[in-house]
Structures are given as C-alpha cells and as structure tokens.
N, C-alpha and C. Protein backbone atom coordinates (compact mmCIF):
# COMPACT_ATOMS: atom_id res chain seq x y z
N MET A 1 -15.39 9.54 11.76
CA MET A 1 -13.98 9.45 12.08
C MET A 1 -13.14 9.20 10.84
N TYR A 2 -13.54 8.24 9.99
CA TYR A 2 -12.82 7.93 8.77
C TYR A 2 -13.61 8.44 7.57
N SER A 3 -12.89 8.82 6.51
CA SER A 3 -13.54 9.28 5.28
C SER A 3 -14.28 8.11 4.62
N GLU A 4 -15.16 8.45 3.72
CA GLU A 4 -15.89 7.43 2.97
C GLU A 4 -14.92 6.58 2.14
N LYS A 5 -13.87 7.19 1.61
CA LYS A 5 -12.89 6.43 0.81
C LYS A 5 -12.15 5.42 1.67
N VAL A 6 -11.77 5.81 2.88
CA VAL A 6 -11.11 4.88 3.79
C VAL A 6 -12.05 3.71 4.08
N LEU A 7 -13.28 4.03 4.42
CA LEU A 7 -14.24 2.97 4.75
C LEU A 7 -14.52 2.07 3.56
N ASP A 8 -14.58 2.65 2.35
CA ASP A 8 -14.82 1.84 1.17
C ASP A 8 -13.67 0.88 0.91
N HIS A 9 -12.42 1.36 0.99
CA HIS A 9 -11.27 0.47 0.78
C HIS A 9 -11.15 -0.56 1.90
N PHE A 10 -11.57 -0.20 3.11
CA PHE A 10 -11.55 -1.16 4.22
C PHE A 10 -12.61 -2.25 4.01
N ARG A 11 -13.80 -1.83 3.64
CA ARG A 11 -14.91 -2.78 3.48
C ARG A 11 -14.81 -3.59 2.18
N ASN A 12 -14.24 -2.97 1.15
CA ASN A 12 -14.15 -3.59 -0.17
C ASN A 12 -12.73 -3.47 -0.69
N PRO A 13 -11.78 -4.15 -0.06
CA PRO A 13 -10.38 -3.99 -0.47
C PRO A 13 -10.16 -4.42 -1.91
N ARG A 14 -9.34 -3.62 -2.60
CA ARG A 14 -8.95 -3.93 -3.96
C ARG A 14 -7.57 -4.58 -3.93
N CYS A 15 -7.33 -5.42 -4.89
CA CYS A 15 -5.99 -6.01 -5.08
C CYS A 15 -5.50 -6.78 -3.85
N ALA A 16 -6.39 -7.39 -3.12
CA ALA A 16 -5.99 -8.16 -1.95
C ALA A 16 -5.45 -9.52 -2.39
N GLY A 17 -4.46 -9.99 -1.69
CA GLY A 17 -3.91 -11.31 -1.97
C GLY A 17 -2.42 -11.28 -2.15
N GLU A 18 -1.91 -12.32 -2.79
CA GLU A 18 -0.47 -12.48 -3.01
C GLU A 18 -0.20 -12.74 -4.48
N LEU A 19 1.01 -12.45 -4.88
CA LEU A 19 1.47 -12.80 -6.22
C LEU A 19 2.61 -13.80 -6.07
N GLY A 20 2.58 -14.83 -6.89
CA GLY A 20 3.65 -15.81 -6.87
C GLY A 20 4.86 -15.34 -7.66
N ALA A 21 5.89 -16.14 -7.65
CA ALA A 21 7.12 -15.83 -8.38
C ALA A 21 6.77 -15.64 -9.85
N PRO A 22 7.41 -14.70 -10.49
CA PRO A 22 8.60 -13.94 -10.12
C PRO A 22 8.29 -12.59 -9.48
N ALA A 23 7.18 -12.45 -8.82
CA ALA A 23 6.83 -11.18 -8.17
C ALA A 23 7.82 -10.86 -7.05
N ARG A 24 7.97 -9.59 -6.77
CA ARG A 24 8.76 -9.13 -5.64
C ARG A 24 7.80 -8.86 -4.49
N THR A 25 8.17 -9.28 -3.30
CA THR A 25 7.30 -9.14 -2.13
C THR A 25 8.11 -8.65 -0.95
N VAL A 26 7.52 -7.72 -0.20
CA VAL A 26 8.11 -7.27 1.05
C VAL A 26 7.04 -7.28 2.13
N ARG A 27 7.51 -7.33 3.35
CA ARG A 27 6.62 -7.30 4.51
C ARG A 27 7.20 -6.31 5.49
N VAL A 28 6.36 -5.41 5.97
CA VAL A 28 6.79 -4.43 6.96
C VAL A 28 5.84 -4.48 8.15
N GLU A 29 6.38 -4.12 9.30
CA GLU A 29 5.59 -4.13 10.54
C GLU A 29 5.78 -2.83 11.29
N ASN A 30 4.75 -2.43 11.98
CA ASN A 30 4.83 -1.30 12.90
C ASN A 30 4.79 -1.91 14.30
N PRO A 31 5.95 -2.02 14.97
CA PRO A 31 5.96 -2.67 16.28
C PRO A 31 5.17 -1.92 17.33
N GLY A 32 4.95 -0.64 17.13
CA GLY A 32 4.21 0.14 18.12
C GLY A 32 2.75 -0.23 18.20
N CYS A 33 2.14 -0.54 17.05
CA CYS A 33 0.70 -0.84 17.06
C CYS A 33 0.40 -2.26 16.59
N GLY A 34 1.40 -2.94 16.04
CA GLY A 34 1.21 -4.32 15.61
C GLY A 34 0.71 -4.48 14.18
N ASP A 35 0.56 -3.38 13.45
CA ASP A 35 0.11 -3.49 12.06
C ASP A 35 1.18 -4.18 11.20
N VAL A 36 0.71 -4.98 10.25
CA VAL A 36 1.59 -5.69 9.33
C VAL A 36 1.05 -5.48 7.92
N LEU A 37 1.95 -5.17 6.99
CA LEU A 37 1.55 -5.00 5.59
C LEU A 37 2.53 -5.74 4.70
N GLN A 38 1.98 -6.54 3.81
CA GLN A 38 2.77 -7.23 2.80
C GLN A 38 2.36 -6.67 1.45
N LEU A 39 3.34 -6.31 0.63
CA LEU A 39 3.08 -5.72 -0.67
C LEU A 39 3.86 -6.52 -1.71
N SER A 40 3.19 -6.89 -2.81
CA SER A 40 3.81 -7.65 -3.89
C SER A 40 3.55 -6.94 -5.21
N VAL A 41 4.56 -6.94 -6.08
CA VAL A 41 4.38 -6.40 -7.42
C VAL A 41 5.04 -7.33 -8.43
N ARG A 42 4.46 -7.33 -9.61
CA ARG A 42 5.05 -8.03 -10.74
C ARG A 42 5.48 -6.95 -11.73
N LEU A 43 6.78 -6.89 -11.98
CA LEU A 43 7.36 -5.88 -12.87
C LEU A 43 7.54 -6.45 -14.26
N GLU A 44 7.33 -5.59 -15.26
CA GLU A 44 7.53 -5.99 -16.65
C GLU A 44 7.95 -4.75 -17.44
N ASN A 45 9.18 -4.77 -17.95
CA ASN A 45 9.69 -3.66 -18.76
C ASN A 45 9.58 -2.31 -18.06
N GLY A 46 9.89 -2.27 -16.77
CA GLY A 46 9.87 -1.02 -16.03
C GLY A 46 8.50 -0.59 -15.54
N PHE A 47 7.48 -1.41 -15.79
CA PHE A 47 6.13 -1.09 -15.34
C PHE A 47 5.67 -2.09 -14.29
N ILE A 48 4.83 -1.64 -13.41
CA ILE A 48 4.22 -2.52 -12.41
C ILE A 48 2.94 -3.05 -13.05
N ARG A 49 2.98 -4.29 -13.46
CA ARG A 49 1.83 -4.88 -14.17
C ARG A 49 0.75 -5.34 -13.20
N GLU A 50 1.16 -5.82 -12.04
CA GLU A 50 0.20 -6.28 -11.04
C GLU A 50 0.71 -5.89 -9.66
N ALA A 51 -0.20 -5.63 -8.76
CA ALA A 51 0.16 -5.35 -7.37
C ALA A 51 -0.89 -5.99 -6.47
N ARG A 52 -0.45 -6.53 -5.36
CA ARG A 52 -1.34 -7.13 -4.38
C ARG A 52 -0.84 -6.76 -2.98
N PHE A 53 -1.75 -6.81 -2.03
CA PHE A 53 -1.37 -6.53 -0.65
C PHE A 53 -2.11 -7.48 0.28
N LYS A 54 -1.53 -7.67 1.43
CA LYS A 54 -2.17 -8.35 2.56
C LYS A 54 -1.87 -7.49 3.77
N ALA A 55 -2.83 -7.33 4.64
CA ALA A 55 -2.62 -6.49 5.82
C ALA A 55 -3.36 -7.05 7.02
N GLN A 56 -2.76 -6.81 8.17
CA GLN A 56 -3.38 -7.08 9.46
C GLN A 56 -3.23 -5.81 10.25
N GLY A 57 -4.32 -5.35 10.80
CA GLY A 57 -4.24 -4.13 11.60
C GLY A 57 -5.51 -3.34 11.55
N CYS A 58 -5.36 -2.06 11.78
CA CYS A 58 -6.50 -1.15 11.86
C CYS A 58 -7.10 -0.91 10.48
N PRO A 59 -8.33 -0.42 10.42
CA PRO A 59 -8.96 -0.13 9.13
C PRO A 59 -8.11 0.75 8.21
N PRO A 60 -7.45 1.81 8.71
CA PRO A 60 -6.63 2.60 7.79
C PRO A 60 -5.46 1.83 7.19
N THR A 61 -4.89 0.89 7.89
CA THR A 61 -3.80 0.09 7.33
C THR A 61 -4.30 -0.74 6.16
N ILE A 62 -5.44 -1.35 6.31
CA ILE A 62 -6.04 -2.13 5.23
C ILE A 62 -6.41 -1.22 4.06
N ALA A 63 -7.00 -0.06 4.37
CA ALA A 63 -7.38 0.89 3.33
C ALA A 63 -6.16 1.42 2.58
N CYS A 64 -5.08 1.72 3.28
CA CYS A 64 -3.87 2.21 2.63
C CYS A 64 -3.25 1.16 1.74
N GLY A 65 -3.22 -0.09 2.20
CA GLY A 65 -2.71 -1.17 1.36
C GLY A 65 -3.53 -1.34 0.10
N SER A 66 -4.83 -1.28 0.24
CA SER A 66 -5.74 -1.43 -0.89
C SER A 66 -5.56 -0.28 -1.89
N ALA A 67 -5.58 0.94 -1.39
CA ALA A 67 -5.46 2.10 -2.28
C ALA A 67 -4.10 2.13 -2.98
N LEU A 68 -3.05 1.80 -2.24
CA LEU A 68 -1.72 1.81 -2.83
C LEU A 68 -1.59 0.74 -3.91
N ALA A 69 -2.01 -0.47 -3.62
CA ALA A 69 -1.91 -1.56 -4.61
C ALA A 69 -2.72 -1.23 -5.85
N GLU A 70 -3.89 -0.67 -5.67
CA GLU A 70 -4.72 -0.29 -6.82
C GLU A 70 -4.02 0.79 -7.65
N TRP A 71 -3.47 1.79 -6.99
CA TRP A 71 -2.79 2.89 -7.67
C TRP A 71 -1.55 2.42 -8.42
N LEU A 72 -0.83 1.48 -7.86
CA LEU A 72 0.44 1.03 -8.43
C LEU A 72 0.30 0.36 -9.80
N GLN A 73 -0.79 -0.31 -10.04
CA GLN A 73 -0.94 -1.10 -11.26
C GLN A 73 -0.86 -0.21 -12.50
N GLY A 74 0.08 -0.54 -13.37
CA GLY A 74 0.28 0.20 -14.60
C GLY A 74 1.25 1.37 -14.47
N ARG A 75 1.74 1.65 -13.26
CA ARG A 75 2.68 2.76 -13.05
C ARG A 75 4.10 2.31 -13.36
N THR A 76 4.94 3.27 -13.66
CA THR A 76 6.35 2.98 -13.82
C THR A 76 6.99 2.93 -12.44
N CYS A 77 8.19 2.37 -12.37
CA CYS A 77 8.91 2.37 -11.10
C CYS A 77 9.21 3.79 -10.65
N GLU A 78 9.50 4.67 -11.61
CA GLU A 78 9.75 6.08 -11.26
C GLU A 78 8.52 6.72 -10.64
N GLU A 79 7.36 6.48 -11.22
CA GLU A 79 6.12 7.01 -10.65
C GLU A 79 5.91 6.47 -9.24
N ALA A 80 6.15 5.18 -9.07
CA ALA A 80 5.97 4.56 -7.76
C ALA A 80 6.90 5.18 -6.73
N ARG A 81 8.13 5.47 -7.13
CA ARG A 81 9.09 6.08 -6.20
C ARG A 81 8.63 7.45 -5.73
N SER A 82 7.80 8.11 -6.50
CA SER A 82 7.35 9.46 -6.14
C SER A 82 6.24 9.47 -5.10
N MET A 83 5.65 8.32 -4.82
CA MET A 83 4.54 8.28 -3.85
C MET A 83 5.03 8.65 -2.46
N GLU A 84 4.30 9.53 -1.82
CA GLU A 84 4.58 9.96 -0.45
C GLU A 84 3.39 9.62 0.44
N ALA A 85 3.63 9.48 1.72
CA ALA A 85 2.56 9.15 2.66
C ALA A 85 1.43 10.18 2.61
N GLN A 86 1.78 11.46 2.51
CA GLN A 86 0.75 12.51 2.46
C GLN A 86 -0.12 12.37 1.22
N ALA A 87 0.47 11.99 0.09
CA ALA A 87 -0.31 11.81 -1.13
C ALA A 87 -1.27 10.62 -0.98
N LEU A 88 -0.80 9.56 -0.34
CA LEU A 88 -1.66 8.40 -0.11
C LEU A 88 -2.82 8.78 0.81
N GLU A 89 -2.52 9.55 1.85
CA GLU A 89 -3.58 10.04 2.73
C GLU A 89 -4.61 10.84 1.95
N GLN A 90 -4.15 11.71 1.07
CA GLN A 90 -5.06 12.54 0.28
C GLN A 90 -5.91 11.69 -0.66
N MET A 91 -5.33 10.64 -1.22
CA MET A 91 -6.10 9.74 -2.09
C MET A 91 -7.28 9.14 -1.35
N LEU A 92 -7.11 8.99 -0.05
CA LEU A 92 -8.14 8.37 0.79
C LEU A 92 -9.03 9.40 1.47
N GLY A 93 -8.89 10.66 1.11
CA GLY A 93 -9.72 11.69 1.73
C GLY A 93 -9.25 12.11 3.09
N GLY A 94 -8.00 11.81 3.41
CA GLY A 94 -7.42 12.19 4.70
C GLY A 94 -7.50 11.09 5.73
N LEU A 95 -6.60 11.19 6.69
CA LEU A 95 -6.58 10.25 7.83
C LEU A 95 -6.49 11.06 9.11
N PRO A 96 -7.12 10.58 10.17
CA PRO A 96 -6.95 11.24 11.46
C PRO A 96 -5.48 11.18 11.89
N PRO A 97 -4.99 12.15 12.64
CA PRO A 97 -3.59 12.14 13.05
C PRO A 97 -3.13 10.81 13.66
N ALA A 98 -3.98 10.18 14.45
CA ALA A 98 -3.60 8.92 15.11
C ALA A 98 -3.51 7.75 14.12
N SER A 99 -3.98 7.95 12.89
CA SER A 99 -3.97 6.87 11.90
C SER A 99 -2.97 7.09 10.78
N ARG A 100 -2.22 8.16 10.83
CA ARG A 100 -1.27 8.46 9.75
C ARG A 100 -0.15 7.44 9.63
N HIS A 101 0.06 6.68 10.70
CA HIS A 101 1.07 5.63 10.65
C HIS A 101 0.76 4.61 9.55
N ALA A 102 -0.52 4.47 9.20
CA ALA A 102 -0.91 3.48 8.19
C ALA A 102 -0.36 3.86 6.81
N ALA A 103 -0.45 5.12 6.46
CA ALA A 103 0.08 5.58 5.17
C ALA A 103 1.60 5.48 5.17
N ALA A 104 2.21 5.82 6.29
CA ALA A 104 3.68 5.73 6.39
C ALA A 104 4.13 4.28 6.24
N LEU A 105 3.40 3.34 6.81
CA LEU A 105 3.76 1.92 6.71
C LEU A 105 3.65 1.45 5.26
N ALA A 106 2.58 1.84 4.58
CA ALA A 106 2.39 1.44 3.19
C ALA A 106 3.51 1.99 2.30
N VAL A 107 3.88 3.25 2.51
CA VAL A 107 4.94 3.85 1.70
C VAL A 107 6.29 3.24 2.06
N GLU A 108 6.48 2.87 3.32
CA GLU A 108 7.72 2.17 3.71
C GLU A 108 7.84 0.86 2.93
N ALA A 109 6.74 0.12 2.83
CA ALA A 109 6.75 -1.13 2.07
C ALA A 109 7.09 -0.86 0.61
N LEU A 110 6.47 0.17 0.05
CA LEU A 110 6.74 0.52 -1.34
C LEU A 110 8.20 0.89 -1.55
N ARG A 111 8.77 1.67 -0.66
CA ARG A 111 10.18 2.08 -0.79
C ARG A 111 11.11 0.85 -0.78
N LYS A 112 10.84 -0.08 0.12
CA LYS A 112 11.65 -1.30 0.18
C LYS A 112 11.50 -2.12 -1.09
N LEU A 113 10.31 -2.18 -1.57
CA LEU A 113 10.02 -2.98 -2.77
C LEU A 113 10.67 -2.39 -4.00
N ILE A 114 10.54 -1.10 -4.18
CA ILE A 114 11.06 -0.45 -5.37
C ILE A 114 12.58 -0.31 -5.32
N SER A 115 13.15 -0.22 -4.14
CA SER A 115 14.61 -0.10 -4.04
C SER A 115 15.31 -1.35 -4.56
N CYS A 116 14.61 -2.47 -4.55
CA CYS A 116 15.24 -3.70 -5.04
C CYS A 116 14.88 -3.95 -6.51
N ALA A 117 14.12 -3.04 -7.11
CA ALA A 117 13.71 -3.23 -8.51
C ALA A 117 14.82 -2.85 -9.46
C-alpha cells in the first residue's frame, strides 16, 4: 500500500522534535481526519539551517513531515517556497489517493512558515 520510502520515514523519522527560540514554528490540522503537523525552522541569512517536525496522524503524515524537514535543511527560503505537494509525494515514491492529504498538510505548514519569514 505504501512505498518503501514512506515506510522508512514513518518507521525511522528524520528531524523529529522541536526547535526553541528563535526558531519559527507553525501548527496545522486537518479537521477531516484529525492529522496534526507542527513544523519548525531556524533561519540564518536567508537559509534554513535547521528544521524539525512533530506529527500525529496516519503514517503518510509522519512520513511527509519527516521528508519535508529533512529536505528543508540547508535550503534557501526561495527554494522552500517552490515545494509543492506533488513534489513531496514524488520524493516519497508516491502516495495512495486517500493519503495525498498528508503531503498537502505538510506543504500548508511550510507555506505558513515561510510566509512569515
């Protein structure tokens, strides 16, 4: 049902946790399924030096948070703004149609986070 990449990020999440101040943090929820994703980044000179996530929900939500946080580290804010849900899905080897909400939730968190940068 899930790709090996999804299962790997679910079983072995990268960049899990929180960042303290002066990190920027947002939290988004999907009221339809109850998934929650918190994303934090530490910015330095236009670059994302650190990224962390916390998630509650289905395996794809955890996998998307993990993959996104891992990808963000070392990227510029401009690069981060270019991330789309479909690209995140592709990074994970695809998601079943019923699980695509997970990538959309992760990118929603990123959009909110970067818009305040």
